Amino acid sequence: MIRSLRTFGAALLLGVLCACVSQEQYRRSLADNDNLRMQRDSQQDYLRRIEGRNAELERQLKDLQATVPDAEWVKQQKARFEKLLAEAGGNLPAGVSVSSSAEGIVFSVEGEVLFASGQATITAEGDRTLKQLIGTLQSQGKRLRVEGHTDNDPIQRSSWKTNLRLSVERAMAVAEFLIAAGMSEDRVAVSGYGEHRARAANDSAEGKRQNRRVEILVLTNQ
């Protein structure tokens, strides 16, 4: 009888131990499943980020391909540039330079030629300068974009408060002059960049002078 009880007790203890082991394995399995689920979610999140990045890179590549000129475009651009110089007589007004960009031909007019310091009203000298350019600009029959630029000196004695606002007002003044002189209003756009598209470093008087300018872009690819 005692032997039977001992045998029963041993069997009961073994069953309890097995049950404990099974519960522990179950808990471990749950933990393993949770870890695997977290790893899966992390990998899926990583793949989504990679896919998003790839889509963005593809978009940037398409944009770049759309803006890179081919050889024929470069040839046409050079011809237009040379024609404009010829029409200007190769003798541009003082304070005006001309160059070529990816968008077209750029006439850059020094800020001191057009405006008094901190002002957005065209001076008499600026009036004469723009009148000398208007014939060349009109002859192209292209859209124009007038861009205002400044140095990085903080506004102190101007009602415009910021360089960005001053650059926009100056570009507006030049655009309105061109429209009054006969340019079609729907072919003239305006933008202002303040000090944010500097041509030279703002660490010298000469660099600041170069940055204070209004650029008139003849958009030859439109």
C-alpha atoms as a PDB file:
ATOM      1  CA  MET A   1       0.000   0.000   0.000  1.00  0.00           C
ATOM      2  CA  ILE A   2       2.797   2.385   0.928  1.00  0.00           C
ATOM      3  CA  ARG A   3       4.637   1.453  -2.253  1.00  0.00           C
ATOM      4  CA  SER A   4       1.552   2.260  -4.296  1.00  0.00           C
ATOM      5  CA  LEU A   5       1.183   5.633  -2.622  1.00  0.00           C
ATOM      6  CA  ARG A   6       4.815   6.388  -3.320  1.00  0.00           C
ATOM      7  CA  THR A   7       4.372   5.424  -6.928  1.00  0.00           C
ATOM      8  CA  PHE A   8       1.243   7.578  -7.210  1.00  0.00           C
ATOM      9  CA  GLY A   9       2.987  10.503  -5.553  1.00  0.00           C
ATOM     10  CA  ALA A  10       5.948  10.239  -7.896  1.00  0.00           C
ATOM     11  CA  ALA A  11       3.642  10.142 -10.864  1.00  0.00           C
ATOM     12  CA  LEU A  12       1.720  13.132  -9.563  1.00  0.00           C
ATOM     13  CA  LEU A  13       4.937  15.095  -8.995  1.00  0.00           C
ATOM     14  CA  LEU A  14       6.138  14.207 -12.481  1.00  0.00           C
ATOM     15  CA  GLY A  15       2.856  15.427 -13.911  1.00  0.00           C
ATOM     16  CA  VAL A  16       3.127  18.703 -12.036  1.00  0.00           C
ATOM     17  CA  LEU A  17       6.700  19.179 -13.208  1.00  0.00           C
ATOM     18  CA  CYS A  18       5.709  18.416 -16.782  1.00  0.00           C
ATOM     19  CA  ALA A  19       2.863  20.909 -16.523  1.00  0.00           C
ATOM     20  CA  CYS A  20       5.303  23.554 -15.222  1.00  0.00           C
ATOM     21  CA  VAL A  21       7.737  22.803 -18.026  1.00  0.00           C
ATOM     22  CA  SER A  22       4.938  23.025 -20.590  1.00  0.00           C
ATOM     23  CA  GLN A  23       3.769  26.373 -19.226  1.00  0.00           C
ATOM     24  CA  GLU A  24       7.324  27.712 -19.265  1.00  0.00           C
ATOM     25  CA  GLN A  25       7.783  26.555 -22.850  1.00  0.00           C
ATOM     26  CA  TYR A  26       4.481  28.178 -23.717  1.00  0.00           C
ATOM     27  CA  ARG A  27       5.584  31.467 -22.209  1.00  0.00           C
ATOM     28  CA  ARG A  28       8.874  31.253 -24.053  1.00  0.00           C
ATOM     29  CA  SER A  29       7.054  30.504 -27.284  1.00  0.00           C
ATOM     30  CA  LEU A  30       4.853  33.564 -26.769  1.00  0.00           C
ATOM     31  CA  ALA A  31       7.917  35.707 -26.114  1.00  0.00           C
ATOM     32  CA  ASP A  32       9.640  34.302 -29.200  1.00  0.00           C
ATOM     33  CA  ASN A  33       6.550  35.018 -31.280  1.00  0.00           C
ATOM     34  CA  ASP A  34       6.437  38.588 -29.976  1.00  0.00           C
ATOM     35  CA  ASN A  35      10.103  39.080 -30.877  1.00  0.00           C
ATOM     36  CA  LEU A  36       9.582  37.663 -34.340  1.00  0.00           C
ATOM     37  CA  ARG A  37       6.547  39.894 -34.832  1.00  0.00           C
ATOM     38  CA  MET A  38       8.555  42.963 -33.768  1.00  0.00           C
ATOM     39  CA  GLN A  39      11.381  42.016 -36.125  1.00  0.00           C
ATOM     40  CA  ARG A  40       8.897  41.525 -38.960  1.00  0.00           C
ATOM     41  CA  ASP A  41       7.257  44.899 -38.298  1.00  0.00           C
ATOM     42  CA  SER A  42      10.656  46.577 -38.117  1.00  0.00           C
ATOM     43  CA  GLN A  43      11.729  45.024 -41.409  1.00  0.00           C
ATOM     44  CA  GLN A  44       8.462  46.031 -43.079  1.00  0.00           C
ATOM     45  CA  ASP A  45       8.900  49.598 -41.812  1.00  0.00           C
ATOM     46  CA  TYR A  46      12.469  49.611 -43.150  1.00  0.00           C
ATOM     47  CA  LEU A  47      11.294  48.332 -46.539  1.00  0.00           C
ATOM     48  CA  ARG A  48       8.633  51.049 -46.690  1.00  0.00           C
ATOM     49  CA  ARG A  49      11.278  53.695 -46.001  1.00  0.00           C
ATOM     50  CA  ILE A  50      13.539  52.229 -48.677  1.00  0.00           C
ATOM     51  CA  GLU A  51      10.682  52.178 -51.194  1.00  0.00           C
ATOM     52  CA  GLY A  52       9.842  55.792 -50.359  1.00  0.00           C
ATOM     53  CA  ARG A  53      13.473  56.814 -50.755  1.00  0.00           C
ATOM     54  CA  ASN A  54      13.733  54.997 -54.092  1.00  0.00           C
ATOM     55  CA  ALA A  55      10.590  56.760 -55.335  1.00  0.00           C
ATOM     56  CA  GLU A  56      12.047  60.133 -54.295  1.00  0.00           C
ATOM     57  CA  LEU A  57      15.355  59.388 -56.039  1.00  0.00           C
ATOM     58  CA  GLU A  58      13.518  58.362 -59.206  1.00  0.00           C
ATOM     59  CA  ARG A  59      11.559  61.628 -59.110  1.00  0.00           C
ATOM     60  CA  GLN A  60      14.752  63.636 -58.649  1.00  0.00           C
ATOM     61  CA  LEU A  61      16.381  61.766 -61.535  1.00  0.00           C
ATOM     62  CA  LYS A  62      13.449  62.577 -63.826  1.00  0.00           C
ATOM     63  CA  ASP A  63      13.600  66.229 -62.793  1.00  0.00           C
ATOM     64  CA  LEU A  64      17.332  66.302 -63.466  1.00  0.00           C
ATOM     65  CA  GLN A  65      16.941  64.649 -66.852  1.00  0.00           C
ATOM     66  CA  ALA A  66      14.276  67.196 -67.743  1.00  0.00           C
ATOM     67  CA  THR A  67      16.613  70.110 -66.964  1.00  0.00           C
ATOM     68  CA  VAL A  68      19.859  68.816 -68.486  1.00  0.00           C
ATOM     69  CA  PRO A  69      20.215  70.426 -71.905  1.00  0.00           C
ATOM     70  CA  ASP A  70      21.121  68.362 -74.922  1.00  0.00           C
ATOM     71  CA  ALA A  71      23.756  69.401 -77.451  1.00  0.00           C
ATOM     72  CA  GLU A  72      21.238  70.986 -79.822  1.00  0.00           C
ATOM     73  CA  TRP A  73      19.735  73.062 -77.014  1.00  0.00           C
ATOM     74  CA  VAL A  74      23.195  74.302 -76.028  1.00  0.00           C
ATOM     75  CA  LYS A  75      23.868  75.258 -79.632  1.00  0.00           C
ATOM     76  CA  GLN A  76      20.596  77.187 -79.884  1.00  0.00           C
ATOM     77  CA  GLN A  77      21.248  78.873 -76.568  1.00  0.00           C
ATOM     78  CA  LYS A  78      24.664  80.046 -77.709  1.00  0.00           C
ATOM     79  CA  ALA A  79      23.174  81.438 -80.925  1.00  0.00           C
ATOM     80  CA  ARG A  80      20.511  83.355 -78.976  1.00  0.00           C
ATOM     81  CA  PHE A  81      23.133  84.692 -76.603  1.00  0.00           C
ATOM     82  CA  GLU A  82      25.329  85.927 -79.450  1.00  0.00           C
ATOM     83  CA  LYS A  83      22.299  87.502 -81.153  1.00  0.00           C
ATOM     84  CA  LEU A  84      21.372  89.383 -78.008  1.00  0.00           C
ATOM     85  CA  LEU A  85      24.894  90.710 -77.645  1.00  0.00           C
ATOM     86  CA  ALA A  86      24.865  91.822 -81.269  1.00  0.00           C
ATOM     87  CA  GLU A  87      21.512  93.583 -80.805  1.00  0.00           C
ATOM     88  CA  ALA A  88      22.875  95.320 -77.744  1.00  0.00           C
ATOM     89  CA  GLY A  89      25.698  96.530 -79.956  1.00  0.00           C
ATOM     90  CA  GLY A  90      28.215  94.783 -77.767  1.00  0.00           C
ATOM     91  CA  ASN A  91      28.090  97.948 -75.676  1.00  0.00           C
ATOM     92  CA  LEU A  92      25.836  97.421 -72.680  1.00  0.00           C
ATOM     93  CA  PRO A  93      24.969 100.320 -70.364  1.00  0.00           C
ATOM     94  CA  ALA A  94      27.268 100.884 -67.407  1.00  0.00           C
ATOM     95  CA  GLY A  95      26.474  98.579 -64.527  1.00  0.00           C
ATOM     96  CA  VAL A  96      24.826  95.959 -66.753  1.00  0.00           C
ATOM     97  CA  SER A  97      26.262  92.533 -67.574  1.00  0.00           C
ATOM     98  CA  VAL A  98      24.815  89.693 -69.621  1.00  0.00           C
ATOM     99  CA  SER A  99      25.301  85.960 -69.225  1.00  0.00           C
ATOM    100  CA  SER A 100      23.694  82.652 -70.141  1.00  0.00           C
ATOM    101  CA  SER A 101      21.924  80.290 -67.746  1.00  0.00           C
ATOM    102  CA  ALA A 102      20.037  76.996 -67.999  1.00  0.00           C
ATOM    103  CA  GLU A 103      16.804  78.972 -68.404  1.00  0.00           C
ATOM    104  CA  GLY A 104      17.930  81.596 -70.856  1.00  0.00           C
ATOM    105  CA  ILE A 105      19.755  84.907 -71.045  1.00  0.00           C
ATOM    106  CA  VAL A 106      20.365  86.944 -67.889  1.00  0.00           C
ATOM    107  CA  PHE A 107      20.719  90.727 -67.852  1.00  0.00           C
ATOM    108  CA  SER A 108      22.090  91.702 -64.446  1.00  0.00           C
ATOM    109  CA  VAL A 109      21.770  95.339 -63.384  1.00  0.00           C
ATOM    110  CA  GLU A 110      23.704  96.610 -60.362  1.00  0.00           C
ATOM    111  CA  GLY A 111      21.504  97.750 -57.517  1.00  0.00           C
ATOM    112  CA  GLU A 112      23.286 101.124 -57.234  1.00  0.00           C
ATOM    113  CA  VAL A 113      22.388 101.857 -60.852  1.00  0.00           C
ATOM    114  CA  LEU A 114      18.682 101.379 -60.212  1.00  0.00           C
ATOM    115  CA  PHE A 115      18.011 102.400 -56.636  1.00  0.00           C
ATOM    116  CA  ALA A 116      19.186 104.537 -53.754  1.00  0.00           C
ATOM    117  CA  SER A 117      20.257 102.612 -50.649  1.00  0.00           C
ATOM    118  CA  GLY A 118      17.311 100.889 -48.973  1.00  0.00           C
ATOM    119  CA  GLN A 119      14.847 102.240 -51.556  1.00  0.00           C
ATOM    120  CA  ALA A 120      12.641 100.634 -54.213  1.00  0.00           C
ATOM    121  CA  THR A 121      12.040 103.676 -56.413  1.00  0.00           C
ATOM    122  CA  ILE A 122      13.949 103.649 -59.708  1.00  0.00           C
ATOM    123  CA  THR A 123      16.431 106.511 -59.976  1.00  0.00           C
ATOM    124  CA  ALA A 124      16.971 108.728 -63.026  1.00  0.00           C
ATOM    125  CA  GLU A 125      20.077 106.710 -63.880  1.00  0.00           C
ATOM    126  CA  GLY A 126      18.092 103.493 -63.531  1.00  0.00           C
ATOM    127  CA  ASP A 127      15.407 104.917 -65.803  1.00  0.00           C
ATOM    128  CA  ARG A 128      17.975 105.646 -68.530  1.00  0.00           C
ATOM    129  CA  THR A 129      19.572 102.220 -68.158  1.00  0.00           C
ATOM    130  CA  LEU A 130      16.328 100.297 -68.462  1.00  0.00           C
ATOM    131  CA  LYS A 131      15.276 102.361 -71.482  1.00  0.00           C
ATOM    132  CA  GLN A 132      18.482 101.291 -73.200  1.00  0.00           C
ATOM    133  CA  LEU A 133      17.640  97.637 -72.533  1.00  0.00           C
ATOM    134  CA  ILE A 134      13.948  97.633 -73.355  1.00  0.00           C
ATOM    135  CA  GLY A 135      14.389  97.331 -77.135  1.00  0.00           C
ATOM    136  CA  THR A 136      16.559  94.221 -76.810  1.00  0.00           C
ATOM    137  CA  LEU A 137      14.178  92.660 -74.298  1.00  0.00           C
ATOM    138  CA  GLN A 138      11.084  93.347 -76.410  1.00  0.00           C
ATOM    139  CA  SER A 139      12.653  92.000 -79.596  1.00  0.00           C
ATOM    140  CA  GLN A 140      12.918  88.491 -78.180  1.00  0.00           C
ATOM    141  CA  GLY A 141       9.179  87.931 -77.799  1.00  0.00           C
ATOM    142  CA  LYS A 142       9.921  85.714 -74.811  1.00  0.00           C
ATOM    143  CA  ARG A 143       8.727  85.591 -71.233  1.00  0.00           C
ATOM    144  CA  LEU A 144      10.739  87.529 -68.685  1.00  0.00           C
ATOM    145  CA  ARG A 145      11.343  86.934 -65.000  1.00  0.00           C
ATOM    146  CA  VAL A 146      12.578  89.862 -62.945  1.00  0.00           C
ATOM    147  CA  GLU A 147      14.509  88.785 -59.850  1.00  0.00           C
ATOM    148  CA  GLY A 148      15.539  91.002 -56.958  1.00  0.00           C
ATOM    149  CA  HIS A 149      18.664  90.297 -54.869  1.00  0.00           C
ATOM    150  CA  THR A 150      20.345  92.032 -51.930  1.00  0.00           C
ATOM    151  CA  ASP A 151      23.423  91.681 -49.740  1.00  0.00           C
ATOM    152  CA  ASN A 152      23.092  90.351 -46.193  1.00  0.00           C
ATOM    153  CA  ASP A 153      23.267  93.676 -44.334  1.00  0.00           C
ATOM    154  CA  PRO A 154      20.266  93.949 -41.981  1.00  0.00           C
ATOM    155  CA  ILE A 155      17.637  96.534 -42.891  1.00  0.00           C
ATOM    156  CA  GLN A 156      18.104  99.648 -40.711  1.00  0.00           C
ATOM    157  CA  ARG A 157      16.632 102.724 -42.380  1.00  0.00           C
ATOM    158  CA  SER A 158      14.120 101.225 -44.791  1.00  0.00           C
ATOM    159  CA  SER A 159      10.374 100.787 -44.489  1.00  0.00           C
ATOM    160  CA  TRP A 160      10.619  97.306 -46.020  1.00  0.00           C
ATOM    161  CA  LYS A 161      11.833  95.686 -42.756  1.00  0.00           C
ATOM    162  CA  THR A 162      13.572  92.704 -44.409  1.00  0.00           C
ATOM    163  CA  ASN A 163      15.949  92.163 -47.318  1.00  0.00           C
ATOM    164  CA  LEU A 164      13.538  89.651 -48.797  1.00  0.00           C
ATOM    165  CA  ARG A 165      10.732  92.190 -48.901  1.00  0.00           C
ATOM    166  CA  LEU A 166      13.060  94.858 -50.314  1.00  0.00           C
ATOM    167  CA  SER A 167      14.217  92.485 -53.083  1.00  0.00           C
ATOM    168  CA  VAL A 168      10.611  91.743 -54.067  1.00  0.00           C
ATOM    169  CA  GLU A 169       9.671  95.436 -54.132  1.00  0.00           C
ATOM    170  CA  ARG A 170      12.681  96.277 -56.301  1.00  0.00           C
ATOM    171  CA  ALA A 171      11.847  93.471 -58.728  1.00  0.00           C
ATOM    172  CA  MET A 172       8.258  94.747 -58.830  1.00  0.00           C
ATOM    173  CA  ALA A 173       9.465  98.270 -59.612  1.00  0.00           C
ATOM    174  CA  VAL A 174      11.539  97.049 -62.567  1.00  0.00           C
ATOM    175  CA  ALA A 175       8.722  94.797 -63.819  1.00  0.00           C
ATOM    176  CA  GLU A 176       6.246  97.678 -63.701  1.00  0.00           C
ATOM    177  CA  PHE A 177       8.720  99.853 -65.607  1.00  0.00           C
ATOM    178  CA  LEU A 178       9.045  97.241 -68.355  1.00  0.00           C
ATOM    179  CA  ILE A 179       5.275  96.801 -68.591  1.00  0.00           C
ATOM    180  CA  ALA A 180       4.754 100.564 -68.789  1.00  0.00           C
ATOM    181  CA  ALA A 181       7.338 100.635 -71.586  1.00  0.00           C
ATOM    182  CA  GLY A 182       5.362  98.142 -73.655  1.00  0.00           C
ATOM    183  CA  MET A 183       6.129  94.630 -72.374  1.00  0.00           C
ATOM    184  CA  SER A 184       3.021  92.457 -72.176  1.00  0.00           C
ATOM    185  CA  GLU A 185       1.966  92.090 -68.553  1.00  0.00           C
ATOM    186  CA  ASP A 186       1.218  88.382 -68.915  1.00  0.00           C
ATOM    187  CA  ARG A 187       4.795  87.758 -70.054  1.00  0.00           C
ATOM    188  CA  VAL A 188       6.512  89.314 -67.046  1.00  0.00           C
ATOM    189  CA  ALA A 189       6.966  87.431 -63.761  1.00  0.00           C
ATOM    190  CA  VAL A 190       8.560  88.640 -60.543  1.00  0.00           C
ATOM    191  CA  SER A 191      10.493  86.989 -57.723  1.00  0.00           C
ATOM    192  CA  GLY A 192      12.670  88.164 -54.860  1.00  0.00           C
ATOM    193  CA  TYR A 193      15.389  86.254 -53.027  1.00  0.00           C
ATOM    194  CA  GLY A 194      16.842  88.753 -50.590  1.00  0.00           C
ATOM    195  CA  GLU A 195      20.366  87.686 -49.636  1.00  0.00           C
ATOM    196  CA  HIS A 196      19.710  83.986 -50.283  1.00  0.00           C
ATOM    197  CA  ARG A 197      21.171  83.723 -53.803  1.00  0.00           C
ATOM    198  CA  ALA A 198      24.408  85.572 -53.364  1.00  0.00           C
ATOM    199  CA  ARG A 199      26.700  85.926 -56.361  1.00  0.00           C
ATOM    200  CA  ALA A 200      29.756  86.583 -54.188  1.00  0.00           C
ATOM    201  CA  ALA A 201      30.735  86.298 -50.529  1.00  0.00           C
ATOM    202  CA  ASN A 202      29.302  89.038 -48.346  1.00  0.00           C
ATOM    203  CA  ASP A 203      32.575  89.511 -46.480  1.00  0.00           C
ATOM    204  CA  SER A 204      33.748  92.535 -48.487  1.00  0.00           C
ATOM    205  CA  ALA A 205      32.344  95.746 -49.911  1.00  0.00           C
ATOM    206  CA  GLU A 206      32.907  94.453 -53.448  1.00  0.00           C
ATOM    207  CA  GLY A 207      31.111  91.175 -52.710  1.00  0.00           C
ATOM    208  CA  LYS A 208      28.143  93.046 -51.252  1.00  0.00           C
ATOM    209  CA  ARG A 209      28.042  95.343 -54.294  1.00  0.00           C
ATOM    210  CA  GLN A 210      27.864  92.350 -56.633  1.00  0.00           C
ATOM    211  CA  ASN A 211      25.037  90.817 -54.625  1.00  0.00           C
ATOM    212  CA  ARG A 212      22.873  93.958 -54.738  1.00  0.00           C
ATOM    213  CA  ARG A 213      21.327  93.547 -58.163  1.00  0.00           C
ATOM    214  CA  VAL A 214      18.217  92.983 -60.227  1.00  0.00           C
ATOM    215  CA  GLU A 215      18.364  90.229 -62.844  1.00  0.00           C
ATOM    216  CA  ILE A 216      16.106  90.172 -65.892  1.00  0.00           C
ATOM    217  CA  LEU A 217      15.897  86.652 -67.307  1.00  0.00           C
ATOM    218  CA  VAL A 218      14.867  86.197 -70.940  1.00  0.00           C
ATOM    219  CA  LEU A 219      13.375  82.700 -70.676  1.00  0.00           C
ATOM    220  CA  THR A 220      14.440  81.357 -74.055  1.00  0.00           C
ATOM    221  CA  ASN A 221      13.148  77.826 -73.440  1.00  0.00           C
ATOM    222  CA  GLN A 222       9.530  78.980 -72.981  1.00  0.00           C
END
